């Protein structure tokens, strides 16, 4: 139970004064130490902004593993476990009584660890490194100089990163690689 006494649930804290990471004060709507922090917004408000608010003061709450935002129409739970995927859970009010939704909400209060997503960032990084290594080995086996192969792969990795952060248009690298596969004589340039 994440360091809690098994016979006793941790106390919920309402309207707790917190310090934001960039400075300033805020109030956390609800928090349960070691479990979650929740930010409520009135219907029609920007829930992404509420999530950004939670991120700004989660450190003041001891970095709870789950960040929850909600309004009267939906509940969104962001797992925030170290080195884990942060793929969210979203529950609409119309589906709140489904078996899956009830399980998720129960785990939110009782077993937050069960909401940890399967693939960790470390596993994704290891898989990507292994794939890049296999590509490098294949290109080197075809007679390409290892330093040129390494340089090209670093450039490719940078381009993929640039796509992810919006510096390059999304899908540009894939389109370039597809063009290269279709017309290899043009791709070399």
C-alpha atoms as a PDB file:
ATOM      1  CA  UNK A   1       0.000   0.000   0.000  1.00  0.00           C
ATOM      2  CA  UNK A   2       2.832   2.377  -0.899  1.00  0.00           C
ATOM      3  CA  UNK A   3       4.168   2.729   2.605  1.00  0.00           C
ATOM      4  CA  UNK A   4       0.768   3.100   4.244  1.00  0.00           C
ATOM      5  CA  UNK A   5      -0.459   1.046   7.169  1.00  0.00           C
ATOM      6  CA  UNK A   6      -2.484  -1.781   5.548  1.00  0.00           C
ATOM      7  CA  UNK A   7      -5.308  -1.403   8.072  1.00  0.00           C
ATOM      8  CA  UNK A   8      -5.719   2.319   7.555  1.00  0.00           C
ATOM      9  CA  UNK A   9      -6.289   4.294   4.376  1.00  0.00           C
ATOM     10  CA  UNK A  10      -4.385   7.588   4.061  1.00  0.00           C
ATOM     11  CA  UNK A  11      -6.305  10.753   4.836  1.00  0.00           C
ATOM     12  CA  UNK A  12      -7.672  12.855   1.991  1.00  0.00           C
ATOM     13  CA  UNK A  13      -6.616  16.503   2.035  1.00  0.00           C
ATOM     14  CA  UNK A  14      -8.907  19.180   0.572  1.00  0.00           C
ATOM     15  CA  UNK A  15      -7.930  22.671  -0.628  1.00  0.00           C
ATOM     16  CA  UNK A  16      -4.312  22.267   0.463  1.00  0.00           C
ATOM     17  CA  UNK A  17      -2.072  25.309  -0.103  1.00  0.00           C
ATOM     18  CA  UNK A  18       0.813  24.312  -2.399  1.00  0.00           C
ATOM     19  CA  UNK A  19       3.794  26.020  -3.992  1.00  0.00           C
ATOM     20  CA  UNK A  20       4.092  25.851  -7.781  1.00  0.00           C
ATOM     21  CA  UNK A  21       7.389  24.764  -9.348  1.00  0.00           C
ATOM     22  CA  UNK A  22       7.859  28.180 -10.980  1.00  0.00           C
ATOM     23  CA  UNK A  23       6.891  30.023  -7.797  1.00  0.00           C
ATOM     24  CA  UNK A  24       3.590  31.241  -6.497  1.00  0.00           C
ATOM     25  CA  UNK A  25       0.810  29.678  -4.460  1.00  0.00           C
ATOM     26  CA  UNK A  26      -2.106  27.543  -5.557  1.00  0.00           C
ATOM     27  CA  UNK A  27      -4.640  25.279  -3.885  1.00  0.00           C
ATOM     28  CA  UNK A  28      -4.778  21.570  -4.624  1.00  0.00           C
ATOM     29  CA  UNK A  29      -8.443  20.560  -4.773  1.00  0.00           C
ATOM     30  CA  UNK A  30      -7.993  17.038  -3.376  1.00  0.00           C
ATOM     31  CA  UNK A  31      -4.960  14.910  -2.636  1.00  0.00           C
ATOM     32  CA  UNK A  32      -4.398  11.542  -1.036  1.00  0.00           C
ATOM     33  CA  UNK A  33      -0.741  11.258  -0.017  1.00  0.00           C
ATOM     34  CA  UNK A  34       1.106   8.523  -1.891  1.00  0.00           C
ATOM     35  CA  UNK A  35      -1.865   7.944  -4.202  1.00  0.00           C
ATOM     36  CA  UNK A  36      -3.174  10.865  -6.235  1.00  0.00           C
ATOM     37  CA  UNK A  37      -3.817  14.579  -6.638  1.00  0.00           C
ATOM     38  CA  UNK A  38      -7.045  15.809  -8.225  1.00  0.00           C
ATOM     39  CA  UNK A  39      -7.954  19.075  -9.931  1.00  0.00           C
ATOM     40  CA  UNK A  40     -11.624  19.807 -10.619  1.00  0.00           C
ATOM     41  CA  UNK A  41     -12.813  22.242 -13.284  1.00  0.00           C
ATOM     42  CA  UNK A  42     -16.317  23.419 -14.042  1.00  0.00           C
ATOM     43  CA  UNK A  43     -17.847  21.950 -17.178  1.00  0.00           C
ATOM     44  CA  UNK A  44     -16.602  23.601 -20.340  1.00  0.00           C
ATOM     45  CA  UNK A  45     -13.238  24.592 -18.879  1.00  0.00           C
ATOM     46  CA  UNK A  46      -9.932  23.465 -20.376  1.00  0.00           C
ATOM     47  CA  UNK A  47      -8.930  20.189 -18.714  1.00  0.00           C
ATOM     48  CA  UNK A  48      -5.459  20.358 -20.296  1.00  0.00           C
ATOM     49  CA  UNK A  49      -4.887  23.588 -18.378  1.00  0.00           C
ATOM     50  CA  UNK A  50      -5.954  21.800 -15.191  1.00  0.00           C
ATOM     51  CA  UNK A  51      -3.399  19.072 -15.921  1.00  0.00           C
ATOM     52  CA  UNK A  52      -0.682  21.713 -16.385  1.00  0.00           C
ATOM     53  CA  UNK A  53      -1.660  23.198 -13.022  1.00  0.00           C
ATOM     54  CA  UNK A  54      -1.276  19.793 -11.357  1.00  0.00           C
ATOM     55  CA  UNK A  55       2.133  19.320 -12.963  1.00  0.00           C
ATOM     56  CA  UNK A  56       3.227  22.696 -11.588  1.00  0.00           C
ATOM     57  CA  UNK A  57       2.580  21.766  -7.957  1.00  0.00           C
ATOM     58  CA  UNK A  58       2.762  17.965  -7.772  1.00  0.00           C
ATOM     59  CA  UNK A  59       6.181  18.285  -6.091  1.00  0.00           C
ATOM     60  CA  UNK A  60       4.549  20.141  -3.185  1.00  0.00           C
ATOM     61  CA  UNK A  61       2.285  17.116  -2.744  1.00  0.00           C
ATOM     62  CA  UNK A  62       5.131  14.598  -2.658  1.00  0.00           C
ATOM     63  CA  UNK A  63       4.876  13.644  -6.360  1.00  0.00           C
ATOM     64  CA  UNK A  64       1.808  11.404  -6.211  1.00  0.00           C
ATOM     65  CA  UNK A  65       1.869   8.571  -8.783  1.00  0.00           C
ATOM     66  CA  UNK A  66      -1.513   9.539 -10.277  1.00  0.00           C
ATOM     67  CA  UNK A  67      -2.705  12.949 -11.441  1.00  0.00           C
ATOM     68  CA  UNK A  68      -6.472  13.294 -11.912  1.00  0.00           C
ATOM     69  CA  UNK A  69      -8.462  16.007 -13.637  1.00  0.00           C
ATOM     70  CA  UNK A  70     -12.218  16.034 -13.927  1.00  0.00           C
ATOM     71  CA  UNK A  71     -15.355  17.975 -14.614  1.00  0.00           C
ATOM     72  CA  UNK A  72     -18.992  16.904 -14.583  1.00  0.00           C
ATOM     73  CA  UNK A  73     -18.577  14.971 -17.872  1.00  0.00           C
ATOM     74  CA  UNK A  74     -15.320  13.026 -17.508  1.00  0.00           C
ATOM     75  CA  UNK A  75     -12.487  11.896 -15.286  1.00  0.00           C
ATOM     76  CA  UNK A  76      -8.989  11.710 -16.734  1.00  0.00           C
ATOM     77  CA  UNK A  77      -6.247   9.874 -14.824  1.00  0.00           C
ATOM     78  CA  UNK A  78      -2.604  10.385 -15.790  1.00  0.00           C
ATOM     79  CA  UNK A  79      -0.212   7.792 -14.358  1.00  0.00           C
ATOM     80  CA  UNK A  80       2.942   9.653 -13.305  1.00  0.00           C
ATOM     81  CA  UNK A  81       5.138   6.791 -12.144  1.00  0.00           C
ATOM     82  CA  UNK A  82       8.889   7.248 -12.676  1.00  0.00           C
ATOM     83  CA  UNK A  83      10.165   5.655 -15.916  1.00  0.00           C
ATOM     84  CA  UNK A  84       6.699   4.524 -16.989  1.00  0.00           C
ATOM     85  CA  UNK A  85       4.351   5.310 -19.805  1.00  0.00           C
ATOM     86  CA  UNK A  86       2.017   8.175 -19.005  1.00  0.00           C
ATOM     87  CA  UNK A  87      -0.824   7.003 -21.239  1.00  0.00           C
ATOM     88  CA  UNK A  88      -3.971   8.266 -19.598  1.00  0.00           C
ATOM     89  CA  UNK A  89      -7.220   6.639 -18.541  1.00  0.00           C
ATOM     90  CA  UNK A  90     -10.387   8.534 -19.467  1.00  0.00           C
ATOM     91  CA  UNK A  91     -13.811   7.756 -18.013  1.00  0.00           C
ATOM     92  CA  UNK A  92     -16.950   9.473 -19.274  1.00  0.00           C
ATOM     93  CA  UNK A  93     -19.777   9.993 -16.808  1.00  0.00           C
ATOM     94  CA  UNK A  94     -22.040   7.774 -18.957  1.00  0.00           C
ATOM     95  CA  UNK A  95     -19.660   4.832 -18.507  1.00  0.00           C
ATOM     96  CA  UNK A  96     -18.776   5.351 -14.843  1.00  0.00           C
ATOM     97  CA  UNK A  97     -20.747   2.287 -13.763  1.00  0.00           C
ATOM     98  CA  UNK A  98     -19.014  -0.119 -16.169  1.00  0.00           C
ATOM     99  CA  UNK A  99     -16.942  -2.895 -14.629  1.00  0.00           C
ATOM    100  CA  UNK A 100     -13.711  -1.487 -16.079  1.00  0.00           C
ATOM    101  CA  UNK A 101     -14.402   2.084 -14.926  1.00  0.00           C
ATOM    102  CA  UNK A 102     -15.307   0.955 -11.411  1.00  0.00           C
ATOM    103  CA  UNK A 103     -12.099  -1.093 -11.227  1.00  0.00           C
ATOM    104  CA  UNK A 104     -10.000   1.887 -12.319  1.00  0.00           C
ATOM    105  CA  UNK A 105     -11.659   4.200  -9.787  1.00  0.00           C
ATOM    106  CA  UNK A 106     -11.300   1.609  -7.015  1.00  0.00           C
ATOM    107  CA  UNK A 107      -7.578   1.228  -7.781  1.00  0.00           C
ATOM    108  CA  UNK A 108      -7.193   5.006  -7.793  1.00  0.00           C
ATOM    109  CA  UNK A 109      -8.182   5.023  -4.111  1.00  0.00           C
ATOM    110  CA  UNK A 110      -6.839   1.657  -2.968  1.00  0.00           C
ATOM    111  CA  UNK A 111      -4.084   0.320  -5.271  1.00  0.00           C
ATOM    112  CA  UNK A 112      -2.626   3.065  -7.486  1.00  0.00           C
ATOM    113  CA  UNK A 113       0.210   0.752  -8.579  1.00  0.00           C
ATOM    114  CA  UNK A 114      -2.341  -1.248 -10.620  1.00  0.00           C
ATOM    115  CA  UNK A 115      -2.767   1.792 -12.877  1.00  0.00           C
ATOM    116  CA  UNK A 116       0.893   1.730 -13.899  1.00  0.00           C
ATOM    117  CA  UNK A 117       1.030   1.113 -17.642  1.00  0.00           C
ATOM    118  CA  UNK A 118       2.939  -1.953 -18.812  1.00  0.00           C
ATOM    119  CA  UNK A 119       5.721  -0.499 -20.933  1.00  0.00           C
ATOM    120  CA  UNK A 120       8.258   1.699 -19.193  1.00  0.00           C
ATOM    121  CA  UNK A 121      10.203   4.494 -20.871  1.00  0.00           C
ATOM    122  CA  UNK A 122      13.320   2.469 -20.212  1.00  0.00           C
ATOM    123  CA  UNK A 123      11.899  -0.511 -22.126  1.00  0.00           C
ATOM    124  CA  UNK A 124      10.923   1.712 -25.064  1.00  0.00           C
ATOM    125  CA  UNK A 125      14.428   3.213 -25.104  1.00  0.00           C
ATOM    126  CA  UNK A 126      16.056  -0.234 -24.963  1.00  0.00           C
ATOM    127  CA  UNK A 127      13.908  -1.503 -27.834  1.00  0.00           C
ATOM    128  CA  UNK A 128      14.693   1.564 -29.957  1.00  0.00           C
ATOM    129  CA  UNK A 129      18.431   1.241 -29.225  1.00  0.00           C
ATOM    130  CA  UNK A 130      18.336  -2.446 -30.189  1.00  0.00           C
ATOM    131  CA  UNK A 131      16.542  -1.599 -33.451  1.00  0.00           C
ATOM    132  CA  UNK A 132      19.041   1.153 -34.291  1.00  0.00           C
ATOM    133  CA  UNK A 133      21.860  -1.280 -33.483  1.00  0.00           C
ATOM    134  CA  UNK A 134      20.391  -3.877 -35.841  1.00  0.00           C
ATOM    135  CA  UNK A 135      20.089  -1.278 -38.620  1.00  0.00           C
ATOM    136  CA  UNK A 136      23.721  -0.229 -38.063  1.00  0.00           C
ATOM    137  CA  UNK A 137      24.910  -3.840 -38.157  1.00  0.00           C
ATOM    138  CA  UNK A 138      22.962  -4.518 -41.370  1.00  0.00           C
ATOM    139  CA  UNK A 139      24.332  -1.422 -43.121  1.00  0.00           C
ATOM    140  CA  UNK A 140      27.883  -2.194 -42.000  1.00  0.00           C
ATOM    141  CA  UNK A 141      27.507  -5.792 -43.207  1.00  0.00           C
ATOM    142  CA  UNK A 142      26.542  -4.409 -46.626  1.00  0.00           C
ATOM    143  CA  UNK A 143      29.923  -2.669 -46.800  1.00  0.00           C
ATOM    144  CA  UNK A 144      29.077   0.837 -45.593  1.00  0.00           C
ATOM    145  CA  UNK A 145      31.727   2.532 -43.447  1.00  0.00           C
ATOM    146  CA  UNK A 146      30.771   2.307 -39.729  1.00  0.00           C
ATOM    147  CA  UNK A 147      31.401   6.009 -39.037  1.00  0.00           C
ATOM    148  CA  UNK A 148      29.194   7.070 -41.967  1.00  0.00           C
ATOM    149  CA  UNK A 149      26.486   4.678 -40.773  1.00  0.00           C
ATOM    150  CA  UNK A 150      26.693   6.078 -37.225  1.00  0.00           C
ATOM    151  CA  UNK A 151      26.565   9.647 -38.528  1.00  0.00           C
ATOM    152  CA  UNK A 152      23.509   8.908 -40.681  1.00  0.00           C
ATOM    153  CA  UNK A 153      21.690   7.191 -37.796  1.00  0.00           C
ATOM    154  CA  UNK A 154      22.382  10.102 -35.452  1.00  0.00           C
ATOM    155  CA  UNK A 155      20.938  12.468 -38.077  1.00  0.00           C
ATOM    156  CA  UNK A 156      17.902  10.206 -38.477  1.00  0.00           C
ATOM    157  CA  UNK A 157      17.373  10.088 -34.710  1.00  0.00           C
ATOM    158  CA  UNK A 158      17.613  13.879 -34.532  1.00  0.00           C
ATOM    159  CA  UNK A 159      15.016  14.219 -37.320  1.00  0.00           C
ATOM    160  CA  UNK A 160      12.639  11.860 -35.492  1.00  0.00           C
ATOM    161  CA  UNK A 161      13.078  13.918 -32.330  1.00  0.00           C
ATOM    162  CA  UNK A 162      12.513  17.148 -34.301  1.00  0.00           C
ATOM    163  CA  UNK A 163       9.230  15.699 -35.601  1.00  0.00           C
ATOM    164  CA  UNK A 164       8.119  14.793 -32.073  1.00  0.00           C
ATOM    165  CA  UNK A 165       8.690  18.306 -30.745  1.00  0.00           C
ATOM    166  CA  UNK A 166       7.197  20.035 -33.795  1.00  0.00           C
ATOM    167  CA  UNK A 167      10.359  21.458 -35.391  1.00  0.00           C
ATOM    168  CA  UNK A 168       9.796  19.285 -38.486  1.00  0.00           C
ATOM    169  CA  UNK A 169       6.373  18.397 -39.910  1.00  0.00           C
ATOM    170  CA  UNK A 170       4.978  15.163 -38.503  1.00  0.00           C
ATOM    171  CA  UNK A 171       5.521  12.253 -40.914  1.00  0.00           C
ATOM    172  CA  UNK A 172       8.302  13.940 -42.905  1.00  0.00           C
ATOM    173  CA  UNK A 173      10.902  11.256 -42.078  1.00  0.00           C
ATOM    174  CA  UNK A 174       8.541   8.428 -43.042  1.00  0.00           C
ATOM    175  CA  UNK A 175       7.694  10.119 -46.341  1.00  0.00           C
ATOM    176  CA  UNK A 176      11.416  10.590 -47.078  1.00  0.00           C
ATOM    177  CA  UNK A 177      12.150   6.936 -46.269  1.00  0.00           C
ATOM    178  CA  UNK A 178       9.207   5.766 -48.403  1.00  0.00           C
ATOM    179  CA  UNK A 179      10.539   7.886 -51.278  1.00  0.00           C
ATOM    180  CA  UNK A 180      13.973   6.344 -50.755  1.00  0.00           C
ATOM    181  CA  UNK A 181      12.561   2.836 -50.905  1.00  0.00           C
ATOM    182  CA  UNK A 182      10.652   3.657 -54.113  1.00  0.00           C
ATOM    183  CA  UNK A 183      13.505   5.580 -55.800  1.00  0.00           C
ATOM    184  CA  UNK A 184      16.835   4.579 -54.213  1.00  0.00           C
ATOM    185  CA  UNK A 185      18.908   6.324 -56.889  1.00  0.00           C
ATOM    186  CA  UNK A 186      17.392   9.699 -55.864  1.00  0.00           C
ATOM    187  CA  UNK A 187      17.494   9.023 -52.132  1.00  0.00           C
ATOM    188  CA  UNK A 188      21.295   8.729 -51.943  1.00  0.00           C
ATOM    189  CA  UNK A 189      21.630  12.454 -52.602  1.00  0.00           C
END
